[in-house]
Amino acid sequence: MTKHALLSASAASRWLKCTAAPRYEAQFPETVSEYAEEGRLAHSVCELKVLRKYTPLLTQRQYTSQLNKLKKNALYSDEMDRTSDAYLDHIAEKAMSYASPPLVSAEVRVDFPDIVPEGFGTCDCVMVGGDTLDIIDYKHGRGVPVASEGNAQMRLYALGALRKYAPFYGESIRQVRMAVVQPRLYDAPTSETITVEELQSWGDSIKPLALKAYSGFGDFVPGDHCRFCRGKAQCRARADAHTALEDFKHLVLPTAENQARRSEAAGDAPAMLTHAEIGDLLTRGKTLLAWYTDLAEYSLGAILKGEEIPGWKAIAGRSNRAFTDHDAAAAAVIASGYDEALVYDRRLKSITELENLMGKADFAEKIGTYVYKPPGKPALAPASDARPPYSSTASDFAGVGNAVT
């Protein structure tokens, strides 16, 4: 068994659409970004907390010792403590929804070779009890929203979990709840609940795609799913899809209404784009921009390794001045006759810093009434984004009765 499945559950959203991706990616070396390492560390913190709360495997002393070791990692931050608590809170909430205490397991290896050749993966948390199976996935990233609705990774985990626990629970499990906890991006977890029959039907429906992706005879299908492909910058199919868009006017696909208007004008396009056309341009233009960014990042890396990208070179970017020794510089300014009050800015520590200083309970009791969370500024997002639409009414009442306690 290989360390990583060729058709990994985490990449299912990609290989289910671009069935050529797994074999194509295999020729590129795996790279580990700082973001990925940070995510792994956060998952370790989450796992430790679940083990301490729901299993007899760790004493308080062992838990504290292991947590302190994780905290020594340079990537550890106090934020991880809060986000892992949010993850643990969701698990506790779900556990309490069962009629009797459910089985709660962390970092569960599951196999689903009957759906995906050699398919396996690791669930962050599995909860089983009564007629319900819960699959809970923690996402530490805040740059890419992960939806729970139709989430292929979660569904494969659920199929594997059903297979794993069938000897113990038989056919008593009738529904599956799948939740994504992404606390750095969403205030609350998102979830999807489906019946076991619906889940199994979905599994059957993807078998041909999984077999095609595994066989090496898949098709290249570029799209948003290219984001995490190791070979995205050098993929010819992706380049062909975007170089075909060089003449931007060809991005506009006429709606039925516009087609009629154009026919009336003897084929001449109207001067003003319709909202439908703008929506289509936004979708297509976004992938064009992402593709160019990937090309630029790859090219810079290649040039820095001594390779040549004709017509391009690496240059030194803009930088800002910085003190080599802040304390020594400040002392020199004060020694030259300037008042210390003019040298330093006095500011209140951030909410997070004060909460860490005082502790959550004391913070909420003493200054919670002075804290509020206004709605974020409006931002454009695809209609498929799990976050609720922006409300101007909610924005008008920002801060009213919104104290954090």
Protein backbone atom coordinates (compact mmCIF):
# COMPACT_ATOMS: atom_id res chain seq x y z
CA MET A 1 0.00 0.00 0.00
CA THR A 2 1.41 3.40 -0.96
CA LYS A 3 1.69 6.20 1.57
CA HIS A 4 -0.65 8.37 -0.50
CA ALA A 5 -3.53 7.03 -2.57
CA LEU A 6 -3.29 7.80 -6.27
CA LEU A 7 -6.94 8.83 -6.18
CA SER A 8 -6.92 10.61 -2.86
CA ALA A 9 -10.19 11.66 -1.27
CA SER A 10 -8.85 15.18 -0.71
CA ALA A 11 -8.30 15.55 -4.47
CA ALA A 12 -11.58 13.90 -5.50
CA SER A 13 -13.13 17.21 -6.55
CA ARG A 14 -10.31 17.43 -9.11
CA TRP A 15 -10.02 13.90 -10.48
CA LEU A 16 -13.78 13.46 -10.73
CA LYS A 17 -13.79 16.34 -13.23
CA CYS A 18 -10.33 15.97 -14.79
CA THR A 19 -9.86 12.21 -14.90
CA ALA A 20 -6.40 12.59 -16.48
CA ALA A 21 -5.11 14.56 -13.47
CA PRO A 22 -3.87 11.74 -11.17
CA ARG A 23 -1.52 10.08 -13.66
CA TYR A 24 -0.45 13.46 -15.06
CA GLU A 25 0.37 14.83 -11.60
CA ALA A 26 2.36 11.72 -10.68
CA GLN A 27 5.29 12.92 -12.80
CA PHE A 28 5.71 16.07 -10.68
CA PRO A 29 7.44 16.02 -7.28
CA GLU A 30 5.31 16.69 -4.23
CA THR A 31 5.93 20.04 -2.61
CA VAL A 32 5.03 21.06 0.92
CA SER A 33 4.11 24.68 1.49
CA GLU A 34 4.24 26.50 4.79
CA TYR A 35 0.44 26.71 4.62
CA ALA A 36 0.22 22.92 4.38
CA GLU A 37 2.61 22.47 7.30
CA GLU A 38 0.60 24.96 9.34
CA GLY A 39 -2.55 23.00 8.52
CA ARG A 40 -0.95 19.72 9.62
CA LEU A 41 0.09 21.29 12.92
CA ALA A 42 -3.42 22.64 13.51
CA HIS A 43 -4.84 19.17 12.78
CA SER A 44 -2.46 17.69 15.35
CA VAL A 45 -3.74 20.15 17.95
CA CYS A 46 -7.33 19.24 17.04
CA GLU A 47 -6.62 15.51 17.26
CA LEU A 48 -4.98 15.90 20.66
CA LYS A 49 -7.99 17.75 22.07
CA VAL A 50 -10.45 15.17 20.76
CA LEU A 51 -8.39 12.32 22.19
CA ARG A 52 -8.24 14.02 25.57
CA LYS A 53 -11.98 14.73 25.73
CA TYR A 54 -13.46 11.57 24.21
CA THR A 55 -11.01 8.75 24.86
CA PRO A 56 -9.19 7.36 27.92
CA LEU A 57 -5.93 7.32 25.98
CA LEU A 58 -4.45 10.49 27.47
CA THR A 59 -4.09 11.66 31.03
CA GLN A 60 -4.12 15.40 31.68
CA ARG A 61 -0.39 15.29 32.21
CA GLN A 62 0.23 13.50 28.91
CA TYR A 63 -2.10 15.89 27.12
CA THR A 64 -0.31 18.95 28.51
CA SER A 65 3.08 17.51 27.68
CA GLN A 66 2.14 16.73 24.07
CA LEU A 67 0.41 20.08 23.59
CA ASN A 68 3.49 21.91 24.87
CA LYS A 69 5.60 20.05 22.32
CA LEU A 70 3.28 21.18 19.53
CA LYS A 71 3.44 24.76 20.81
CA LYS A 72 7.21 24.75 20.32
CA ASN A 73 6.69 24.50 16.58
CA ALA A 74 7.55 27.81 14.91
CA LEU A 75 4.24 27.71 13.03
CA TYR A 76 2.13 27.44 16.17
CA SER A 77 -0.03 30.43 17.05
CA ASP A 78 -2.56 31.24 19.76
CA GLU A 79 -5.14 31.30 16.98
CA MET A 80 -4.76 27.52 16.65
CA ASP A 81 -5.93 27.13 20.22
CA ARG A 82 -9.11 29.08 19.45
CA THR A 83 -9.86 27.40 16.12
CA SER A 84 -9.28 23.92 17.56
CA ASP A 85 -11.63 24.84 20.40
CA ALA A 86 -14.27 25.78 17.81
CA TYR A 87 -13.77 22.36 16.21
CA LEU A 88 -14.08 20.64 19.58
CA ASP A 89 -17.20 22.68 20.40
CA HIS A 90 -18.87 21.47 17.21
CA ILE A 91 -18.03 17.87 18.01
CA ALA A 92 -19.46 18.30 21.51
CA GLU A 93 -22.63 19.86 20.11
CA LYS A 94 -23.14 16.96 17.72
CA ALA A 95 -22.38 14.38 20.40
CA MET A 96 -25.07 15.89 22.63
CA SER A 97 -27.63 15.55 19.82
CA TYR A 98 -27.53 11.75 20.12
CA ALA A 99 -30.01 9.97 22.38
CA SER A 100 -27.11 8.14 24.06
CA PRO A 101 -23.35 8.85 24.03
CA PRO A 102 -21.98 8.03 20.55
CA LEU A 103 -18.65 6.53 19.61
CA VAL A 104 -16.24 9.40 18.89
CA SER A 105 -12.94 8.67 17.10
CA ALA A 106 -10.21 10.97 15.79
CA GLU A 107 -7.97 10.46 12.75
CA VAL A 108 -9.77 7.36 11.53
CA ARG A 109 -8.31 5.44 8.58
CA VAL A 110 -11.09 4.42 6.18
CA ASP A 111 -10.97 2.35 2.99
CA PHE A 112 -13.30 2.48 0.00
CA PRO A 113 -11.68 0.28 -2.71
CA ASP A 114 -15.12 -0.90 -3.83
CA ILE A 115 -15.77 2.66 -5.06
CA VAL A 116 -12.26 3.94 -5.89
CA PRO A 117 -9.41 1.58 -6.85
CA GLU A 118 -7.05 1.33 -3.85
CA GLY A 119 -9.02 4.18 -2.28
CA PHE A 120 -8.39 5.15 1.33
CA GLY A 121 -8.14 8.22 3.49
CA THR A 122 -8.15 9.57 7.03
CA CYS A 123 -11.21 11.21 8.62
CA ASP A 124 -10.55 13.97 11.12
CA CYS A 125 -13.46 12.81 13.26
CA VAL A 126 -16.04 10.04 13.01
CA MET A 127 -19.05 9.82 15.31
CA VAL A 128 -21.50 6.91 15.29
CA GLY A 129 -24.61 6.26 17.33
CA GLY A 130 -28.25 5.29 16.87
CA ASP A 131 -29.17 5.69 13.21
CA THR A 132 -26.65 8.45 12.45
CA LEU A 133 -23.06 8.64 11.24
CA ASP A 134 -21.26 11.99 11.56
CA ILE A 135 -18.18 12.84 9.51
CA ILE A 136 -16.51 16.06 10.68
CA ASP A 137 -13.65 17.64 8.76
CA TYR A 138 -11.47 20.49 10.03
CA LYS A 139 -10.08 22.98 7.53
CA HIS A 140 -7.47 25.45 8.79
CA GLY A 141 -7.19 27.46 5.59
CA ARG A 142 -8.83 30.84 5.20
CA GLY A 143 -8.10 31.52 1.56
CA VAL A 144 -10.27 28.88 -0.12
CA PRO A 145 -13.83 28.28 1.15
CA VAL A 146 -14.70 24.59 1.41
CA ALA A 147 -18.39 23.77 0.96
CA SER A 148 -20.00 20.77 2.64
CA GLU A 149 -22.80 20.45 0.08
CA GLY A 150 -21.85 17.75 -2.43
CA ASN A 151 -18.33 17.53 -0.96
CA ALA A 152 -16.73 14.51 -2.68
CA GLN A 153 -13.99 14.12 -0.07
CA MET A 154 -16.52 13.95 2.77
CA ARG A 155 -18.74 11.52 0.88
CA LEU A 156 -15.85 9.16 0.21
CA TYR A 157 -14.89 9.31 3.88
CA ALA A 158 -18.50 8.53 4.79
CA LEU A 159 -18.58 5.52 2.44
CA GLY A 160 -15.35 4.27 3.98
CA ALA A 161 -16.69 4.80 7.50
CA LEU A 162 -19.89 2.89 6.69
CA ARG A 163 -17.76 0.03 5.42
CA LYS A 164 -15.57 0.13 8.54
CA TYR A 165 -18.36 0.19 11.10
CA ALA A 166 -20.83 -2.10 9.30
CA PRO A 167 -19.67 -5.18 11.30
CA PHE A 168 -20.64 -3.39 14.53
CA TYR A 169 -23.71 -1.39 13.56
CA GLY A 170 -25.10 -3.44 10.69
CA GLU A 171 -27.85 -1.62 8.85
CA SER A 172 -28.90 0.51 11.81
CA ILE A 173 -27.22 3.61 10.34
CA ARG A 174 -29.80 5.35 8.15
CA GLN A 175 -28.42 8.86 7.67
CA VAL A 176 -25.05 10.54 7.30
CA ARG A 177 -24.22 14.07 8.43
CA MET A 178 -21.09 15.64 6.97
CA ALA A 179 -19.76 18.90 8.40
CA VAL A 180 -16.87 21.17 7.47
CA VAL A 181 -15.45 23.27 10.30
CA GLN A 182 -13.47 26.17 8.84
CA PRO A 183 -13.31 28.66 11.75
CA ARG A 184 -10.83 31.07 10.17
CA LEU A 185 -13.30 31.73 7.38
CA TYR A 186 -16.79 30.84 8.60
CA ASP A 187 -18.32 31.72 11.95
CA ALA A 188 -20.28 28.46 11.96
CA PRO A 189 -19.69 25.02 10.41
CA THR A 190 -21.53 24.09 7.22
CA SER A 191 -23.09 20.66 6.83
CA GLU A 192 -24.98 18.29 4.56
CA THR A 193 -27.26 15.44 5.65
CA ILE A 194 -28.22 12.63 3.27
CA THR A 195 -29.56 9.12 3.62
CA VAL A 196 -27.33 6.08 3.38
CA GLU A 197 -29.16 5.09 0.19
CA GLU A 198 -28.42 8.49 -1.40
CA LEU A 199 -24.76 8.22 -0.39
CA GLN A 200 -24.40 4.72 -1.81
CA SER A 201 -26.14 5.76 -5.02
CA TRP A 202 -23.64 8.62 -5.39
CA GLY A 203 -20.79 6.18 -4.79
CA ASP A 204 -22.05 3.91 -7.54
CA SER A 205 -22.37 6.87 -9.91
CA ILE A 206 -18.69 7.84 -9.61
CA LYS A 207 -17.24 4.34 -10.05
CA PRO A 208 -16.75 4.71 -13.83
CA LEU A 209 -14.99 8.05 -13.35
CA ALA A 210 -12.74 6.64 -10.64
CA LEU A 211 -11.82 3.67 -12.82
CA LYS A 212 -11.06 5.96 -15.75
CA ALA A 213 -8.88 8.22 -13.58
CA TYR A 214 -7.01 5.22 -12.16
CA SER A 215 -6.47 3.55 -15.52
CA GLY A 216 -4.49 6.43 -17.02
CA PHE A 217 -6.92 6.90 -19.92
CA GLY A 218 -8.69 9.91 -18.46
CA ASP A 219 -9.55 13.21 -20.07
CA PHE A 220 -8.04 16.63 -19.36
CA VAL A 221 -10.77 19.05 -18.30
CA PRO A 222 -9.43 22.43 -17.06
CA GLY A 223 -11.41 24.46 -14.54
CA ASP A 224 -11.43 25.89 -11.02
CA HIS A 225 -10.38 22.46 -9.75
CA CYS A 226 -6.89 23.04 -11.27
CA ARG A 227 -6.00 25.25 -8.27
CA PHE A 228 -4.09 22.55 -6.35
CA CYS A 229 -2.81 20.47 -9.27
CA ARG A 230 0.98 20.08 -9.12
CA GLY A 231 1.26 20.38 -12.89
CA LYS A 232 -1.18 23.25 -13.40
CA ALA A 233 1.38 25.69 -14.80
CA GLN A 234 2.66 23.27 -17.44
CA CYS A 235 -0.64 21.69 -18.43
CA ARG A 236 -1.18 22.07 -22.17
CA ALA A 237 -4.93 21.49 -21.95
CA ARG A 238 -5.23 24.37 -19.50
CA ALA A 239 -3.10 26.57 -21.73
CA ASP A 240 -5.21 25.68 -24.77
CA ALA A 241 -8.37 26.57 -22.87
CA HIS A 242 -7.06 30.01 -21.96
CA THR A 243 -5.12 30.98 -25.05
CA ALA A 244 -8.38 30.45 -26.89
CA LEU A 245 -9.65 33.42 -24.87
CA GLU A 246 -6.99 35.89 -26.02
CA ASP A 247 -9.55 37.80 -27.99
CA PHE A 248 -11.75 38.79 -25.05
CA LYS A 249 -14.80 39.42 -27.17
CA HIS A 250 -15.12 35.69 -27.73
CA LEU A 251 -15.77 35.27 -24.01
CA VAL A 252 -19.24 36.72 -24.43
CA LEU A 253 -21.69 33.92 -25.00
CA PRO A 254 -25.00 35.44 -26.12
CA THR A 255 -28.12 34.63 -24.12
CA ALA A 256 -31.33 33.81 -25.95
CA GLU A 257 -32.46 37.40 -25.37
CA ASN A 258 -29.25 38.84 -26.73
CA GLN A 259 -29.24 36.45 -29.65
CA ALA A 260 -32.61 37.80 -30.68
CA ARG A 261 -31.39 41.39 -30.29
CA ARG A 262 -28.33 40.62 -32.38
CA SER A 263 -30.38 38.97 -35.06
CA GLU A 264 -32.50 42.09 -35.28
CA ALA A 265 -29.33 44.12 -35.69
CA ALA A 266 -28.09 41.89 -38.51
CA GLY A 267 -25.54 40.17 -36.32
CA ASP A 268 -24.04 43.30 -34.74
CA ALA A 269 -23.43 42.95 -30.99
CA PRO A 270 -25.06 45.65 -28.83
CA ALA A 271 -22.71 48.23 -27.32
CA MET A 272 -23.67 47.39 -23.74
CA LEU A 273 -23.06 44.03 -22.06
CA THR A 274 -26.01 42.45 -20.32
CA HIS A 275 -25.78 41.27 -16.72
CA ALA A 276 -25.87 37.69 -17.96
CA GLU A 277 -22.84 38.34 -20.17
CA ILE A 278 -21.00 40.10 -17.33
CA GLY A 279 -21.64 37.12 -15.06
CA ASP A 280 -20.20 34.81 -17.71
CA LEU A 281 -17.16 37.07 -18.17
CA LEU A 282 -16.50 37.09 -14.43
CA THR A 283 -16.51 33.30 -14.34
CA ARG A 284 -14.23 32.89 -17.33
CA GLY A 285 -11.98 35.83 -16.54
CA LYS A 286 -11.33 34.50 -13.04
CA THR A 287 -9.81 31.29 -14.35
CA LEU A 288 -7.79 33.29 -16.91
CA LEU A 289 -6.28 35.41 -14.14
CA ALA A 290 -5.54 32.34 -12.00
CA TRP A 291 -3.83 30.64 -14.95
CA TYR A 292 -1.61 33.66 -15.63
CA THR A 293 -0.64 33.85 -11.94
CA ASP A 294 0.34 30.17 -11.96
CA LEU A 295 2.46 30.71 -15.09
CA ALA A 296 4.23 33.66 -13.47
CA GLU A 297 4.97 31.77 -10.23
CA TYR A 298 6.30 28.75 -12.12
CA SER A 299 8.45 30.89 -14.42
CA LEU A 300 10.01 32.84 -11.55
CA GLY A 301 10.88 29.60 -9.78
CA ALA A 302 12.41 28.15 -12.94
CA ILE A 303 14.53 31.26 -13.57
CA LEU A 304 15.77 31.31 -9.97
CA LYS A 305 16.91 27.70 -10.48
CA GLY A 306 19.00 28.80 -13.47
CA GLU A 307 16.56 27.81 -16.21
CA GLU A 308 15.58 30.12 -19.06
CA ILE A 309 12.15 31.46 -19.85
CA PRO A 310 12.68 33.36 -23.15
CA GLY A 311 11.74 37.02 -22.87
CA TRP A 312 11.65 37.07 -19.07
CA LYS A 313 14.06 37.54 -16.17
CA ALA A 314 14.04 37.79 -12.38
CA ILE A 315 14.58 41.18 -10.76
CA ALA A 316 14.81 42.44 -7.19
CA GLY A 317 11.40 43.51 -5.96
CA ARG A 318 10.64 46.66 -4.02
CA SER A 319 11.60 46.62 -0.35
CA ASN A 320 11.10 48.96 2.61
CA ARG A 321 13.67 50.33 5.02
CA ALA A 322 13.92 48.63 8.39
CA PHE A 323 15.84 49.12 11.64
CA THR A 324 18.57 46.61 12.41
CA ASP A 325 18.00 47.24 16.14
CA HIS A 326 14.76 48.97 17.22
CA ASP A 327 15.81 49.52 20.85
CA ALA A 328 19.20 50.97 19.93
CA ALA A 329 17.63 53.28 17.34
CA ALA A 330 15.04 54.53 19.85
CA ALA A 331 17.70 55.12 22.48
CA ALA A 332 19.77 57.14 20.03
CA VAL A 333 16.78 59.34 19.14
CA ILE A 334 15.98 59.98 22.82
CA ALA A 335 19.65 60.67 23.58
CA SER A 336 19.65 63.33 20.88
CA GLY A 337 17.01 65.29 22.81
CA TYR A 338 13.64 64.02 21.62
CA ASP A 339 11.01 63.19 24.22
CA GLU A 340 10.26 59.50 24.62
CA ALA A 341 6.52 60.16 24.14
CA LEU A 342 7.30 61.39 20.62
CA VAL A 343 9.36 58.33 19.80
CA TYR A 344 6.85 55.63 20.77
CA ASP A 345 3.18 55.23 19.85
CA ARG A 346 0.93 54.11 22.70
CA ARG A 347 -1.81 51.75 21.59
CA LEU A 348 -4.26 49.33 23.14
CA LYS A 349 -3.38 45.71 22.54
CA SER A 350 -5.55 43.87 20.04
CA ILE A 351 -8.69 42.03 21.12
CA THR A 352 -6.95 38.71 20.56
CA GLU A 353 -3.91 39.75 22.62
CA LEU A 354 -6.09 40.97 25.50
CA GLU A 355 -8.21 37.80 25.41
CA ASN A 356 -5.06 35.70 25.61
CA LEU A 357 -3.79 37.87 28.48
CA MET A 358 -7.00 37.79 30.53
CA GLY A 359 -8.47 34.44 29.55
CA LYS A 360 -11.80 34.04 27.74
CA ALA A 361 -14.05 34.11 30.81
CA ASP A 362 -12.45 37.14 32.46
CA PHE A 363 -12.25 38.94 29.12
CA ALA A 364 -15.96 38.38 28.45
CA GLU A 365 -16.94 39.48 31.96
CA LYS A 366 -14.77 42.60 32.21
CA ILE A 367 -14.70 44.07 28.71
CA GLY A 368 -17.00 41.91 26.58
CA THR A 369 -19.58 44.72 26.39
CA TYR A 370 -17.01 46.95 24.68
CA VAL A 371 -16.47 44.52 21.83
CA TYR A 372 -18.58 44.07 18.73
CA LYS A 373 -18.14 42.39 15.40
CA PRO A 374 -19.35 44.42 12.42
CA PRO A 375 -20.23 42.69 9.16
CA GLY A 376 -17.40 42.46 6.67
CA LYS A 377 -17.19 44.73 3.65
CA PRO A 378 -19.15 43.51 0.64
CA ALA A 379 -17.09 41.26 -1.62
CA LEU A 380 -17.93 39.46 -4.84
CA ALA A 381 -18.21 35.66 -4.66
CA PRO A 382 -19.69 32.88 -6.83
CA ALA A 383 -23.32 32.01 -6.14
CA SER A 384 -22.11 28.57 -4.96
CA ASP A 385 -20.26 30.12 -2.01
CA ALA A 386 -21.69 28.79 1.28
CA ARG A 387 -21.70 32.19 2.99
CA PRO A 388 -25.03 34.07 3.11
CA PRO A 389 -25.59 36.98 0.70
CA TYR A 390 -24.49 40.43 1.89
CA SER A 391 -27.28 42.39 3.57
CA SER A 392 -27.20 46.17 3.47
CA THR A 393 -29.79 46.19 6.26
CA ALA A 394 -27.48 44.19 8.53
CA SER A 395 -24.67 46.57 7.64
CA ASP A 396 -26.78 49.59 8.62
CA PHE A 397 -27.33 48.10 12.07
CA ALA A 398 -23.73 46.99 12.56
CA GLY A 399 -22.75 47.24 16.20
CA VAL A 400 -26.30 47.64 17.50
CA GLY A 401 -26.78 44.98 20.20
CA ASN A 402 -23.83 43.11 18.74
CA ALA A 403 -21.51 43.06 21.72
CA VAL A 404 -19.37 39.95 22.11
CA THR A 405 -20.00 38.46 25.54
